[in-house]
Protein backbone atom coordinates (compact mmCIF):
# COMPACT_ATOMS: atom_id res chain seq x y z
CA MET A 1 10.96 -12.85 35.30
CA GLU A 2 8.01 -11.25 33.30
CA LYS A 3 8.87 -11.47 29.38
CA ASN A 4 8.40 -8.05 27.32
CA ARG A 5 6.27 -9.65 24.77
CA ASN A 6 5.77 -6.45 22.71
CA TYR A 7 8.68 -6.06 21.03
CA ASP A 8 7.95 -2.62 19.06
CA ASP A 9 8.49 -1.24 22.59
CA LEU A 10 11.53 -3.10 23.73
CA PRO A 11 14.68 -0.63 23.05
CA MET A 12 17.28 -2.34 20.59
CA ASN A 13 20.47 -1.63 19.84
CA TRP A 14 20.20 -1.60 15.95
CA VAL A 15 16.96 0.12 15.95
CA GLY A 16 18.15 3.79 13.78
CA ASP A 17 21.38 2.41 13.66
CA TRP A 18 21.28 1.87 10.02
CA ALA A 19 25.23 3.30 9.08
CA GLY A 20 26.50 1.33 12.10
CA ARG A 21 24.99 -2.18 11.49
CA ARG A 22 25.73 -2.17 7.29
CA ALA A 23 29.09 -0.78 8.04
CA ALA A 24 29.44 -4.11 10.50
CA LEU A 25 28.16 -6.47 7.77
CA THR A 26 29.81 -4.67 4.28
CA PRO A 27 31.99 -1.80 5.15
CA TYR A 28 33.97 -1.23 1.94
CA ARG A 29 30.89 -1.96 -0.58
CA THR A 30 29.92 1.18 -1.90
CA ALA A 31 26.92 2.71 -0.09
CA LEU A 32 26.44 6.09 -2.21
CA TYR A 33 27.11 8.12 -5.30
CA ASP A 34 26.86 11.59 -5.72
CA SER A 35 26.16 12.87 -8.74
CA SER A 36 26.75 16.58 -7.77
CA THR A 37 30.39 15.93 -6.52
CA GLN A 38 31.41 12.80 -8.65
CA LYS A 39 32.76 10.89 -5.19
CA SER A 40 31.52 7.77 -3.98
CA TYR A 41 31.60 6.69 -0.39
CA THR A 42 31.57 3.31 1.23
CA PHE A 43 29.55 1.90 4.11
CA GLN A 44 31.94 2.24 6.63
CA ALA A 45 32.77 6.07 5.38
CA MET A 46 29.00 6.82 5.86
CA ASN A 47 29.23 5.21 9.21
CA GLU A 48 31.88 7.46 10.39
CA ARG A 49 30.23 10.23 9.06
CA ALA A 50 27.38 9.83 10.79
CA CYS A 51 29.58 9.14 13.90
CA ARG A 52 31.27 12.70 13.52
CA VAL A 53 28.09 14.36 12.93
CA GLY A 54 26.17 12.94 15.99
CA SER A 55 29.13 13.79 18.23
CA TYR A 56 28.66 17.33 17.38
CA LEU A 57 25.05 17.24 17.48
CA ALA A 58 25.08 15.72 21.01
CA ASP A 59 28.28 17.14 22.43
CA VAL A 60 27.93 20.59 20.76
CA LEU A 61 24.45 21.53 20.59
CA GLY A 62 23.14 19.22 23.47
CA LEU A 63 20.52 17.55 21.07
CA GLY A 64 19.06 14.01 22.41
CA LYS A 65 16.41 11.60 22.12
CA GLY A 66 13.02 13.01 21.75
CA ASP A 67 14.39 16.52 19.72
CA VAL A 68 13.57 17.83 16.90
CA VAL A 69 16.08 19.01 13.98
CA ALA A 70 14.47 20.73 10.81
CA LEU A 71 16.19 20.46 7.83
CA ILE A 72 15.59 22.91 4.34
CA CYS A 73 17.65 21.46 1.38
CA ARG A 74 18.06 19.67 -1.37
CA ASN A 75 19.29 15.67 -2.31
CA ARG A 76 22.64 16.43 -0.99
CA ILE A 77 24.92 13.94 1.32
CA GLU A 78 24.50 16.17 4.10
CA ALA A 79 20.99 15.25 4.22
CA ILE A 80 21.67 11.76 4.80
CA ASP A 81 24.34 12.44 7.10
CA VAL A 82 21.94 14.57 9.44
CA TYR A 83 19.38 10.90 8.87
CA LEU A 84 21.71 8.90 9.80
CA ALA A 85 23.11 10.69 12.82
CA CYS A 86 19.53 10.98 14.11
CA GLY A 87 19.01 7.50 13.71
CA LYS A 88 22.09 6.46 16.10
CA LEU A 89 20.70 9.47 18.96
CA GLY A 90 16.58 9.07 18.58
CA ILE A 91 16.53 12.59 17.26
CA ILE A 92 13.57 13.19 15.59
CA LEU A 93 14.13 14.51 11.77
CA ALA A 94 11.67 17.04 10.18
CA PRO A 95 12.46 17.46 6.35
CA LEU A 96 10.95 20.82 5.12
CA SER A 97 10.04 21.73 1.53
CA GLN A 98 12.15 24.31 0.08
CA ARG A 99 8.97 25.14 -2.79
CA LEU A 100 7.11 26.27 0.31
CA LYS A 101 6.51 30.01 1.00
CA LYS A 102 7.01 31.39 4.27
CA PRO A 103 3.64 31.55 5.72
CA GLU A 104 3.56 27.93 5.28
CA LEU A 105 6.94 27.15 6.62
CA ASP A 106 6.20 29.85 9.69
CA ASP A 107 3.25 27.15 10.61
CA LEU A 108 5.11 23.87 10.53
CA LEU A 109 7.89 25.36 12.91
CA SER A 110 5.55 27.01 15.12
CA ARG A 111 4.03 23.12 15.32
CA LEU A 112 7.57 21.54 15.29
CA ASN A 113 9.45 23.47 17.42
CA PRO A 114 13.01 22.04 16.51
CA ARG A 115 15.67 22.56 18.42
CA ALA A 116 17.91 23.35 15.64
CA LEU A 117 17.27 24.08 11.70
CA PHE A 118 20.18 22.78 8.66
CA HIS A 119 19.72 24.68 5.54
CA GLU A 120 21.81 24.87 2.45
CA ASN A 121 23.46 28.19 1.54
CA ALA A 122 20.62 28.43 -1.68
CA PHE A 123 17.97 28.84 0.38
CA ALA A 124 19.51 31.06 3.16
CA GLU A 125 17.54 34.18 2.14
CA LEU A 126 14.18 32.13 2.42
CA VAL A 127 15.48 30.67 6.15
CA SER A 128 16.07 34.34 7.25
CA THR A 129 12.84 35.45 6.56
CA LEU A 130 11.27 32.55 8.57
CA ALA A 131 9.92 33.06 12.55
CA MET A 132 12.28 30.81 14.53
CA PRO A 133 10.26 29.28 17.50
CA GLY A 134 12.00 29.86 20.70
CA SER A 135 12.91 26.31 20.66
CA VAL A 136 15.37 26.82 17.96
CA THR A 137 18.75 27.29 19.35
CA ALA A 138 21.17 26.70 16.22
CA VAL A 139 20.83 27.63 12.38
CA ILE A 140 23.00 25.79 10.62
CA ASN A 141 23.96 27.07 6.78
CA PHE A 142 25.58 23.73 4.97
CA ASP A 143 27.72 25.69 2.86
CA GLY A 144 27.71 29.37 3.08
CA GLU A 145 31.36 31.52 3.06
CA GLN A 146 31.94 29.67 5.96
CA ASN A 147 31.52 25.63 5.13
CA VAL A 148 30.61 25.08 8.74
CA PHE A 149 29.92 21.43 7.78
CA GLU A 150 32.89 20.46 6.18
CA ASP A 151 34.95 22.45 8.47
CA THR A 152 33.48 21.81 11.40
CA ILE A 153 30.98 19.22 11.91
CA LEU A 154 32.72 16.56 10.11
CA LYS A 155 36.15 17.71 11.63
CA THR A 156 34.27 16.54 15.17
CA GLU A 157 36.44 13.56 16.62
CA PRO A 158 34.01 11.12 16.17
CA ARG A 159 32.81 8.70 19.41
CA GLU A 160 29.88 5.70 18.82
CA VAL A 161 26.80 7.93 19.90
CA ASN A 162 24.37 5.16 19.09
CA ILE A 163 21.74 4.41 21.77
CA PRO A 164 19.16 1.48 21.96
CA LEU A 165 15.84 2.70 20.39
CA ALA A 166 12.31 0.97 20.22
CA MET A 167 10.63 0.21 17.36
CA SER A 168 7.87 2.47 18.34
CA ASP A 169 10.02 5.20 18.97
CA ARG A 170 9.71 7.91 16.27
CA CYS A 171 12.06 9.01 13.70
CA LEU A 172 10.59 11.35 11.09
CA TYR A 173 8.12 14.21 11.26
CA VAL A 174 7.14 14.27 7.68
CA HIS A 175 4.68 17.17 6.48
CA THR A 176 1.52 16.46 3.64
CA GLY A 177 -0.69 18.06 1.83
CA GLY A 178 -4.26 17.60 2.68
CA THR A 179 -7.93 18.43 2.11
CA THR A 180 -7.81 21.58 4.87
CA ALA A 181 -5.03 24.65 4.14
CA VAL A 182 -3.08 23.62 7.22
CA PRO A 183 -0.62 21.12 6.36
CA LYS A 184 -0.68 17.59 8.55
CA ILE A 185 2.56 16.42 10.00
CA CYS A 186 2.68 12.75 9.71
CA ILE A 187 4.42 10.73 13.10
CA VAL A 188 6.92 7.90 11.49
CA SER A 189 7.97 5.58 13.61
CA TYR A 190 11.15 3.10 13.44
CA ARG A 191 8.75 0.30 13.21
CA GLN A 192 6.89 1.96 10.03
CA MET A 193 10.82 2.74 7.74
CA VAL A 194 11.71 -1.02 9.32
CA TRP A 195 8.57 -2.88 8.13
CA ASN A 196 8.28 -0.36 4.66
CA SER A 197 11.87 -1.58 3.94
CA PHE A 198 10.83 -5.13 4.39
CA ASP A 199 7.80 -4.92 2.62
CA ILE A 200 9.80 -3.09 -0.59
CA LEU A 201 12.43 -6.09 -0.46
CA ALA A 202 9.62 -8.71 0.01
CA THR A 203 7.33 -7.65 -2.69
CA GLY A 204 10.19 -7.75 -5.14
CA LEU A 205 10.97 -3.73 -6.35
CA ALA A 206 14.66 -3.96 -5.12
CA GLY A 207 15.17 -6.74 -7.49
CA SER A 208 18.46 -7.98 -8.16
CA PHE A 209 19.68 -4.14 -8.78
CA GLN A 210 22.92 -2.82 -7.25
CA LYS A 211 22.74 1.08 -8.39
CA VAL A 212 19.22 2.45 -7.85
CA LEU A 213 18.89 6.53 -8.92
CA ILE A 214 16.99 8.58 -5.62
CA THR A 215 14.75 10.93 -7.66
CA PHE A 216 12.11 11.72 -5.30
CA PRO A 217 13.31 14.39 -2.89
CA PHE A 218 13.88 14.53 0.60
CA PHE A 219 11.57 16.45 1.79
CA HIS A 220 9.13 13.95 0.65
CA ILE A 221 8.66 10.74 2.35
CA GLY A 222 9.46 9.26 -1.04
CA GLY A 223 13.16 10.51 -0.93
CA TRP A 224 13.76 8.54 2.46
CA ASN A 225 11.22 5.63 1.16
CA THR A 226 13.68 5.10 -1.61
CA PHE A 227 17.07 5.35 0.76
CA THR A 228 16.32 3.55 3.66
CA PRO A 229 15.56 0.42 2.00
CA LEU A 230 18.49 0.40 -0.66
CA PHE A 231 20.93 0.93 2.27
CA HIS A 232 19.15 -1.71 4.74
CA ALA A 233 19.91 -4.04 1.74
CA GLY A 234 23.50 -2.61 1.28
CA ILE A 235 22.78 -1.34 -2.16
CA THR A 236 24.40 1.42 -3.96
CA SER A 237 22.24 4.79 -3.93
CA VAL A 238 22.69 7.30 -6.29
CA LEU A 239 22.09 10.92 -5.53
CA LEU A 240 21.10 13.22 -7.34
CA ARG A 241 20.51 17.03 -5.83
CA GLU A 242 17.30 17.66 -7.59
CA PHE A 243 15.43 16.79 -10.92
CA ASP A 244 17.59 17.22 -13.97
CA PRO A 245 16.84 15.03 -16.92
CA GLY A 246 19.88 15.76 -19.08
CA LEU A 247 22.25 14.81 -15.80
CA ILE A 248 20.10 11.44 -15.42
CA LEU A 249 20.18 10.37 -19.18
CA GLN A 250 23.91 11.31 -18.46
CA LEU A 251 24.60 8.89 -15.28
CA ILE A 252 22.17 5.94 -17.52
CA HIS A 253 24.51 6.72 -20.41
CA GLU A 254 27.60 5.90 -18.18
CA GLY A 255 26.09 3.00 -17.05
CA ARG A 256 25.57 4.19 -13.16
CA VAL A 257 21.72 3.42 -12.85
CA GLU A 258 20.16 -0.01 -13.04
CA ASN A 259 16.26 1.19 -11.60
CA PHE A 260 14.77 4.49 -11.07
CA GLY A 261 11.11 5.79 -9.11
CA ALA A 262 9.30 9.02 -11.64
CA VAL A 263 6.29 10.29 -11.56
CA GLU A 264 4.98 10.20 -15.48
CA ALA A 265 5.84 13.94 -15.47
CA MET A 266 9.68 13.32 -15.48
CA LEU A 267 9.21 10.51 -17.94
CA GLN A 268 7.86 12.96 -20.14
CA PHE A 269 10.66 15.42 -19.14
CA LEU A 270 13.11 12.27 -20.14
CA ILE A 271 11.98 11.62 -23.52
CA ALA A 272 11.53 15.46 -24.65
CA HIS A 273 15.36 15.69 -23.80
CA PRO A 274 17.66 16.01 -26.72
CA LYS A 275 20.03 13.44 -25.30
CA PHE A 276 17.28 11.02 -24.81
CA LYS A 277 17.77 9.32 -28.41
CA GLU A 278 21.19 8.83 -28.21
CA THR A 279 21.14 7.36 -24.58
CA ASP A 280 22.14 4.15 -23.80
CA PHE A 281 19.53 2.40 -21.53
CA SER A 282 21.27 -0.95 -21.53
CA GLN A 283 22.23 -1.05 -17.83
CA VAL A 284 18.61 -0.17 -16.67
CA LYS A 285 16.34 -3.24 -15.66
CA ALA A 286 13.29 -1.48 -14.40
CA ILE A 287 11.58 1.66 -13.68
CA THR A 288 8.86 2.15 -11.21
CA THR A 289 6.25 4.67 -11.48
CA ALA A 290 4.50 6.08 -8.71
CA ALA A 291 1.84 9.01 -7.38
CA ALA A 292 -0.46 7.86 -10.47
CA PRO A 293 -0.77 5.46 -13.15
CA CYS A 294 1.51 5.89 -16.15
CA SER A 295 -0.06 6.48 -19.20
CA LYS A 296 0.29 3.96 -22.08
CA ALA A 297 2.13 5.93 -24.87
CA VAL A 298 4.75 7.11 -22.28
CA MET A 299 5.00 3.42 -21.11
CA GLN A 300 5.79 2.22 -24.65
CA VAL A 301 8.59 4.41 -25.21
CA PHE A 302 10.38 2.53 -22.26
CA LEU A 303 9.15 -0.76 -22.94
CA ASP A 304 10.25 -0.41 -26.75
CA LYS A 305 13.70 -0.01 -24.93
CA GLY A 306 13.11 -3.56 -23.25
CA ILE A 307 12.56 -1.82 -19.76
CA PRO A 308 9.45 -2.94 -17.71
CA ILE A 309 7.84 -0.45 -15.77
CA SER A 310 5.82 -1.13 -12.30
CA GLN A 311 3.50 0.89 -11.18
CA THR A 312 3.47 1.56 -7.29
CA TYR A 313 0.87 3.48 -4.85
CA GLY A 314 0.77 4.25 -1.37
CA MET A 315 0.38 7.21 0.99
CA THR A 316 2.46 8.75 3.49
CA GLU A 317 -0.26 7.61 6.13
CA ALA A 318 0.04 3.75 5.30
CA GLY A 319 3.11 3.09 4.09
CA PRO A 320 4.30 5.00 2.02
CA SER A 321 4.41 2.04 0.01
CA ASN A 322 1.37 -0.19 -0.34
CA PHE A 323 0.46 -1.59 -3.92
CA ALA A 324 2.44 -2.37 -6.76
CA TYR A 325 1.91 -4.23 -10.28
CA ILE A 326 4.15 -6.80 -10.63
CA ALA A 327 4.10 -8.67 -14.06
CA ARG A 328 2.81 -11.73 -13.83
CA SER A 329 4.60 -12.84 -17.17
CA SER A 330 7.30 -11.87 -19.05
CA SER A 331 5.17 -10.41 -21.69
CA MET A 332 5.76 -6.28 -22.14
CA GLU A 333 1.90 -6.10 -23.69
CA GLU A 334 0.67 -7.41 -20.13
CA LEU A 335 2.04 -4.01 -18.56
CA LEU A 336 0.37 -1.99 -21.10
CA THR A 337 -3.11 -4.00 -20.64
CA ASN A 338 -2.81 -3.13 -17.36
CA SER A 339 -1.52 0.23 -17.52
CA ALA A 340 -4.10 1.43 -14.97
CA SER A 341 -3.67 -0.66 -12.71
CA ILE A 342 -1.61 -0.21 -9.46
CA GLY A 343 -1.58 -4.21 -9.24
CA THR A 344 -2.42 -5.83 -5.67
CA SER A 345 -1.46 -5.03 -2.09
CA MET A 346 2.40 -5.66 -1.16
CA PHE A 347 3.07 -8.69 0.96
CA HIS A 348 2.84 -7.20 4.25
CA CYS A 349 -0.50 -5.07 3.46
CA ASP A 350 -3.95 -5.62 3.94
CA ALA A 351 -6.26 -3.74 1.52
CA LYS A 352 -10.02 -3.48 1.39
CA ILE A 353 -12.80 -1.17 -1.25
CA ILE A 354 -15.58 0.04 1.52
CA ASP A 355 -18.71 1.95 1.13
CA GLN A 356 -18.19 5.62 1.75
CA ASP A 357 -21.38 5.86 4.04
CA SER A 358 -21.66 2.37 5.30
CA ARG A 359 -18.24 1.45 5.75
CA ARG A 360 -18.98 -2.32 4.66
CA GLU A 361 -16.99 -3.83 1.83
CA VAL A 362 -18.24 -3.63 -1.62
CA ASP A 363 -18.62 -6.27 -4.07
CA VAL A 364 -15.49 -6.90 -7.04
CA GLY A 365 -16.40 -4.11 -9.73
CA GLU A 366 -18.10 -1.82 -7.04
CA VAL A 367 -16.44 1.70 -6.53
CA GLY A 368 -15.53 2.32 -3.09
CA VAL A 369 -13.11 4.15 -0.94
CA LEU A 370 -9.46 2.24 -0.26
CA CYS A 371 -8.65 1.22 3.20
CA LEU A 372 -4.94 -0.29 3.79
CA ARG A 373 -3.73 -1.61 7.24
CA SER A 374 -0.06 -2.86 7.73
CA PRO A 375 2.99 -3.00 10.16
CA HIS A 376 3.77 0.27 8.57
CA ASN A 377 1.29 2.48 9.16
CA PHE A 378 1.69 6.10 10.66
CA ASP A 379 1.16 6.89 14.26
CA GLY A 380 -1.24 9.52 13.31
CA TYR A 381 -1.19 13.73 13.01
CA LEU A 382 1.19 15.47 15.30
CA ASP A 383 -0.69 16.74 18.05
CA ASP A 384 -3.97 16.26 16.36
CA PRO A 385 -5.91 13.55 17.53
CA GLY A 386 -9.28 14.76 16.00
CA ARG A 387 -8.02 14.61 12.29
CA THR A 388 -5.79 11.36 13.19
CA ALA A 389 -9.86 9.57 14.29
CA THR A 390 -10.65 10.68 10.61
CA VAL A 391 -8.13 8.63 8.90
CA LEU A 392 -6.57 5.79 11.47
CA ASP A 393 -9.40 3.75 12.97
CA PRO A 394 -9.08 1.68 16.17
CA GLU A 395 -8.58 -1.85 14.10
CA GLY A 396 -5.63 0.12 12.41
CA TRP A 397 -7.17 0.80 9.19
CA VAL A 398 -5.93 3.97 7.37
CA TYR A 399 -8.93 5.51 5.16
CA THR A 400 -7.13 6.50 1.74
CA GLY A 401 -9.58 8.67 0.59
CA ASP A 402 -8.79 7.49 -3.05
CA LEU A 403 -11.67 5.69 -4.34
CA ALA A 404 -10.95 2.37 -6.31
CA VAL A 405 -12.64 -0.16 -7.89
CA ARG A 406 -10.96 -4.52 -7.95
CA ASP A 407 -11.65 -6.46 -10.94
CA ARG A 408 -12.16 -10.41 -11.17
CA ASN A 409 -8.82 -10.76 -11.51
CA GLY A 410 -7.73 -9.14 -8.11
CA LEU A 411 -6.01 -6.13 -9.81
CA VAL A 412 -7.09 -2.86 -8.52
CA PHE A 413 -7.70 0.50 -10.17
CA ILE A 414 -8.02 4.45 -8.67
CA LYS A 415 -10.87 5.81 -9.91
CA GLY A 416 -10.74 9.51 -7.82
CA ARG A 417 -10.68 11.47 -4.76
CA ALA A 418 -13.35 10.85 -2.15
CA ASP A 419 -12.13 14.37 -1.09
CA ASN A 420 -11.11 17.31 -2.53
CA MET A 421 -7.20 17.09 -2.93
CA PHE A 422 -5.53 16.28 -5.90
CA ILE A 423 -2.53 15.24 -7.36
CA SER A 424 -0.41 17.31 -9.07
CA GLY A 425 3.14 15.61 -10.31
CA GLY A 426 3.05 13.79 -7.59
CA GLU A 427 2.67 16.31 -5.24
CA ASN A 428 -0.62 16.39 -2.78
CA VAL A 429 -2.68 19.36 -3.37
CA SER A 430 -5.42 21.32 -1.22
CA PRO A 431 -7.95 23.73 -2.97
CA GLU A 432 -9.32 24.74 0.26
CA GLU A 433 -5.55 26.50 0.89
CA ILE A 434 -5.46 27.85 -2.98
CA GLU A 435 -8.90 29.19 -2.18
CA GLN A 436 -7.97 31.39 1.00
CA ALA A 437 -4.51 32.51 -0.38
CA LEU A 438 -6.80 33.40 -3.80
CA MET A 439 -9.60 35.48 -0.96
CA LYS A 440 -6.22 37.33 0.30
CA HIS A 441 -6.33 39.41 -2.48
CA PRO A 442 -8.71 42.90 -1.85
CA ALA A 443 -10.55 42.23 -4.90
CA VAL A 444 -11.31 38.89 -4.13
CA ALA A 445 -14.94 38.39 -2.74
CA GLY A 446 -15.06 34.18 -3.49
CA ALA A 447 -12.89 31.72 -4.78
CA ILE A 448 -13.49 27.62 -5.55
CA CYS A 449 -10.53 25.52 -7.22
CA ALA A 450 -10.28 22.26 -8.09
CA GLY A 451 -8.03 19.92 -9.98
CA VAL A 452 -8.21 19.66 -13.78
CA TYR A 453 -6.37 17.75 -15.87
CA ASP A 454 -3.12 18.52 -17.66
CA PRO A 455 -1.01 16.11 -20.16
CA LYS A 456 2.06 16.42 -18.34
CA TRP A 457 1.36 16.97 -14.61
CA GLY A 458 -1.65 14.82 -14.21
CA GLN A 459 -3.60 17.27 -12.77
CA VAL A 460 -3.02 21.45 -12.48
CA PRO A 461 -5.01 24.07 -10.05
CA ALA A 462 -7.66 25.82 -12.09
CA ALA A 463 -9.91 28.24 -10.03
CA LEU A 464 -13.07 30.68 -10.49
CA VAL A 465 -13.29 33.74 -8.38
CA VAL A 466 -15.96 36.60 -7.71
CA LEU A 467 -14.80 40.30 -7.17
CA HIS A 468 -16.03 42.57 -4.64
CA ALA A 469 -17.88 45.23 -5.95
CA GLY A 470 -15.89 47.60 -8.39
CA GLY A 471 -12.88 45.19 -7.76
CA GLN A 472 -10.57 44.69 -10.69
CA VAL A 473 -7.42 42.00 -11.18
CA THR A 474 -6.49 40.02 -13.95
CA GLU A 475 -5.36 36.86 -13.71
CA GLU A 476 -1.60 37.05 -14.17
CA GLU A 477 -1.65 39.42 -11.11
CA LEU A 478 -3.47 36.46 -9.00
CA LYS A 479 -1.03 34.35 -10.05
CA LEU A 480 1.73 36.87 -8.67
CA PHE A 481 0.11 37.74 -5.82
CA CYS A 482 -0.34 33.85 -4.90
CA ARG A 483 3.41 33.51 -5.17
CA ASP A 484 3.60 35.32 -1.78
CA TYR A 485 1.35 32.48 0.02
CA LEU A 486 2.18 29.23 -2.32
CA ALA A 487 4.34 27.08 -3.29
CA ASP A 488 4.63 26.95 -7.07
CA TYR A 489 3.09 24.06 -7.99
CA LYS A 490 0.01 25.37 -6.05
CA ILE A 491 -0.51 28.17 -8.14
CA PRO A 492 -3.61 27.89 -10.31
CA ARG A 493 -2.18 27.58 -13.95
CA HIS A 494 -6.08 28.76 -15.00
CA ILE A 495 -8.15 31.50 -13.05
CA ARG A 496 -11.57 32.77 -14.32
CA THR A 497 -13.73 35.65 -13.09
CA VAL A 498 -17.48 34.74 -12.78
CA SER A 499 -20.78 36.79 -10.87
CA ALA A 500 -21.23 33.82 -8.65
CA LEU A 501 -19.36 30.58 -7.47
CA PRO A 502 -21.04 26.86 -8.65
CA LEU A 503 -23.17 25.71 -5.32
CA THR A 504 -24.79 22.27 -5.39
CA GLY A 505 -27.83 21.62 -4.55
CA ALA A 506 -27.09 21.60 -0.70
CA GLY A 507 -25.32 25.08 -0.93
CA LYS A 508 -21.73 23.77 -0.98
CA LEU A 509 -19.11 24.72 -3.53
CA ASP A 510 -19.29 22.59 -6.62
CA ARG A 511 -15.53 21.33 -7.74
CA HIS A 512 -17.16 19.50 -10.63
CA VAL A 513 -18.36 22.70 -12.02
CA VAL A 514 -14.91 24.00 -11.95
CA VAL A 515 -13.77 20.42 -13.71
CA SER A 516 -16.08 20.92 -16.37
CA MET A 517 -15.12 24.66 -17.05
CA PHE A 518 -11.36 23.93 -18.00
CA SER A 519 -11.79 20.22 -20.05
């Protein structure tokens, strides 16, 4: 008999069954503490909930392998229930950001063609405005006037719905910002989720922690990238519905948190909160930062409390965890000295820095584009082979678009973007998308946008606009106009009217001029 040598394509019972496998190993260990309800759940309880939700998805809604379920909600236990149930059935979960506006969500839904959409009542008004594609057969409100989730779904008679899945099967569809106005939808396989979990554990980022706070939202890969390795390793997840510095400090003071991830803006909010000085941080063993290196000033505040900070780096297409700065000594001073570095590539991740034009590797000390290759690469953009080919080459290298340099000690430093996208408070922002929104205003003839420095968010959008002859509009009117088309973090913080847009010698929009004008 010929052996199946490609185990990524071999269906196995454990793939996707996070809940069932962990419950079999450690049924009575605490899996989750929900800070909103102050309730704890064991791994056995989480598996029973997943079986009930899975039974509802399969027997009531008629969903099965390959179907898509969309999700619009904050970090709630119901989102985790749906995620774990989808894993048992091979249903693809597509979390959508509640921060997006109707045009953005309509575009994503039209491409995802979900069979069902789950949402929480807080976003019922937004959901009611969306143009649901014909594929949608059920729109379910978690907690409206009738609590469908508690009163119906979780009372469904549970049965073991798990089916064998292959590592190559699709787990998530995750939308991500890009360098054009059309959001990209990343195909995330079980292989990617499993290997990313392996890399986090092998690199040592999970440490010896038993209680980890989830701060990143579930509409990002970062939220699932935190939860999944914790569940995989049998570590307690502390659930936070949304970022709340006062509640985080309370949880820390109560000794419920040993580790958490954050972008620098989150840490700044914690430091500025009135409870910060009186908070007991003695149980916090480490903090992990992401999106951009943490400044020395912010790091110092936590280092003074004896809390080391590990810098990490990654992107949805290549990880999402790819680099980490792991302290090479017990000295806190070392962390400050190398605060601008993302460290080295993780245990199971290859990295190289290449010249943007020749695509050859550059020497130590030379700036080039960072490329990554690992078993946790994504599987391309949904229904978009052209855009996939620009990022993922035939040898498996993901072109990050980030400019980087490696020093003689092997440490890597990010130097900026090779394209136009920038990061604001951990969110990818496309300047072209903002420009198109501005130009929908009848008074605007042209627009150019770029990310400019901001002490809190790292970068924020700033724009220059040219008005039609006789056109009149104020900065505040344009910002208000953009709210109908853009998420709040994409709305320009600064808008200035000019007589002509700045151009390069080649006649292309010159975003460097925008940066210099607002610096």
